[in-house]
């Protein structure tokens, strides 16, 4: 895939899972909190974690839509 093409939802979800895993495994005293990546900026401020949660929520909402 050329770099200028937008990423698919599957690719975004795969990357989001990696971000969530990093925050889970590297912040053992406070799972799912900041401290798992280089983007963490404070006790509760991490743009990567916020993005990963947003992507996961969007995909989950799409999967559980009623028809």
C-alpha atoms as a PDB file:
ATOM      1  CA  UNK A   1       0.000   0.000   0.000  1.00  0.00           C
ATOM      2  CA  UNK A   2       1.474   3.364  -0.952  1.00  0.00           C
ATOM      3  CA  UNK A   3       2.069   5.672   1.973  1.00  0.00           C
ATOM      4  CA  UNK A   4      -0.321   8.366   0.697  1.00  0.00           C
ATOM      5  CA  UNK A   5      -3.363   6.074   0.706  1.00  0.00           C
ATOM      6  CA  UNK A   6      -5.564   6.082   3.810  1.00  0.00           C
ATOM      7  CA  UNK A   7      -5.273   3.099   6.125  1.00  0.00           C
ATOM      8  CA  UNK A   8      -8.121   0.614   6.196  1.00  0.00           C
ATOM      9  CA  UNK A   9     -10.191   0.127   9.350  1.00  0.00           C
ATOM     10  CA  UNK A  10      -8.580  -3.300   9.751  1.00  0.00           C
ATOM     11  CA  UNK A  11      -5.107  -1.740   9.707  1.00  0.00           C
ATOM     12  CA  UNK A  12      -6.190   0.942  12.184  1.00  0.00           C
ATOM     13  CA  UNK A  13      -7.644  -1.708  14.498  1.00  0.00           C
ATOM     14  CA  UNK A  14      -4.431  -3.755  14.309  1.00  0.00           C
ATOM     15  CA  UNK A  15      -2.343  -0.700  15.234  1.00  0.00           C
ATOM     16  CA  UNK A  16      -4.798   0.257  17.990  1.00  0.00           C
ATOM     17  CA  UNK A  17      -4.460  -3.220  19.493  1.00  0.00           C
ATOM     18  CA  UNK A  18      -0.694  -2.738  19.660  1.00  0.00           C
ATOM     19  CA  UNK A  19      -1.158   0.599  21.450  1.00  0.00           C
ATOM     20  CA  UNK A  20      -3.605  -0.962  23.929  1.00  0.00           C
ATOM     21  CA  UNK A  21      -1.240  -3.882  24.536  1.00  0.00           C
ATOM     22  CA  UNK A  22       1.648  -1.489  25.206  1.00  0.00           C
ATOM     23  CA  UNK A  23      -0.369   0.387  27.793  1.00  0.00           C
ATOM     24  CA  UNK A  24      -1.557  -2.829  29.413  1.00  0.00           C
ATOM     25  CA  UNK A  25       1.845  -4.483  29.666  1.00  0.00           C
ATOM     26  CA  UNK A  26       4.023  -1.485  30.490  1.00  0.00           C
ATOM     27  CA  UNK A  27       1.882   0.180  33.144  1.00  0.00           C
ATOM     28  CA  UNK A  28       1.298  -2.878  35.323  1.00  0.00           C
ATOM     29  CA  UNK A  29       0.610  -0.942  38.494  1.00  0.00           C
ATOM     30  CA  UNK A  30      -2.150   1.008  36.677  1.00  0.00           C
ATOM     31  CA  UNK A  31      -3.331  -0.957  33.616  1.00  0.00           C
ATOM     32  CA  UNK A  32      -4.921   1.000  30.750  1.00  0.00           C
ATOM     33  CA  UNK A  33      -3.432   4.230  32.096  1.00  0.00           C
ATOM     34  CA  UNK A  34      -0.667   6.349  30.692  1.00  0.00           C
ATOM     35  CA  UNK A  35       2.897   5.169  31.015  1.00  0.00           C
ATOM     36  CA  UNK A  36       2.958   2.628  28.209  1.00  0.00           C
ATOM     37  CA  UNK A  37       4.369   4.706  25.375  1.00  0.00           C
ATOM     38  CA  UNK A  38       6.472   7.723  24.500  1.00  0.00           C
ATOM     39  CA  UNK A  39       3.371   9.856  23.817  1.00  0.00           C
ATOM     40  CA  UNK A  40       2.188   9.740  27.449  1.00  0.00           C
ATOM     41  CA  UNK A  41       2.167  13.259  28.866  1.00  0.00           C
ATOM     42  CA  UNK A  42       0.840  12.998  32.406  1.00  0.00           C
ATOM     43  CA  UNK A  43      -1.238  10.916  34.750  1.00  0.00           C
ATOM     44  CA  UNK A  44      -4.237  10.691  32.428  1.00  0.00           C
ATOM     45  CA  UNK A  45      -3.108  12.246  29.159  1.00  0.00           C
ATOM     46  CA  UNK A  46      -2.020  10.111  26.235  1.00  0.00           C
ATOM     47  CA  UNK A  47      -3.136  10.926  22.686  1.00  0.00           C
ATOM     48  CA  UNK A  48      -2.184   7.456  21.414  1.00  0.00           C
ATOM     49  CA  UNK A  49      -4.253   5.689  24.064  1.00  0.00           C
ATOM     50  CA  UNK A  50      -7.195   8.028  23.421  1.00  0.00           C
ATOM     51  CA  UNK A  51      -6.957   7.325  19.680  1.00  0.00           C
ATOM     52  CA  UNK A  52      -6.764   3.558  20.208  1.00  0.00           C
ATOM     53  CA  UNK A  53      -9.819   3.587  22.463  1.00  0.00           C
ATOM     54  CA  UNK A  54     -11.707   5.706  19.906  1.00  0.00           C
ATOM     55  CA  UNK A  55     -10.865   3.336  17.024  1.00  0.00           C
ATOM     56  CA  UNK A  56     -11.827   0.293  19.084  1.00  0.00           C
ATOM     57  CA  UNK A  57     -15.113   1.919  20.106  1.00  0.00           C
ATOM     58  CA  UNK A  58     -15.969   2.815  16.502  1.00  0.00           C
ATOM     59  CA  UNK A  59     -15.292  -0.722  15.271  1.00  0.00           C
ATOM     60  CA  UNK A  60     -17.251  -2.239  18.164  1.00  0.00           C
ATOM     61  CA  UNK A  61     -20.222   0.037  17.503  1.00  0.00           C
ATOM     62  CA  UNK A  62     -20.166  -0.946  13.841  1.00  0.00           C
ATOM     63  CA  UNK A  63     -20.009  -4.651  14.676  1.00  0.00           C
ATOM     64  CA  UNK A  64     -22.976  -4.475  17.061  1.00  0.00           C
ATOM     65  CA  UNK A  65     -25.283  -2.339  14.939  1.00  0.00           C
ATOM     66  CA  UNK A  66     -28.802  -3.660  14.644  1.00  0.00           C
ATOM     67  CA  UNK A  67     -30.009  -4.186  11.116  1.00  0.00           C
END
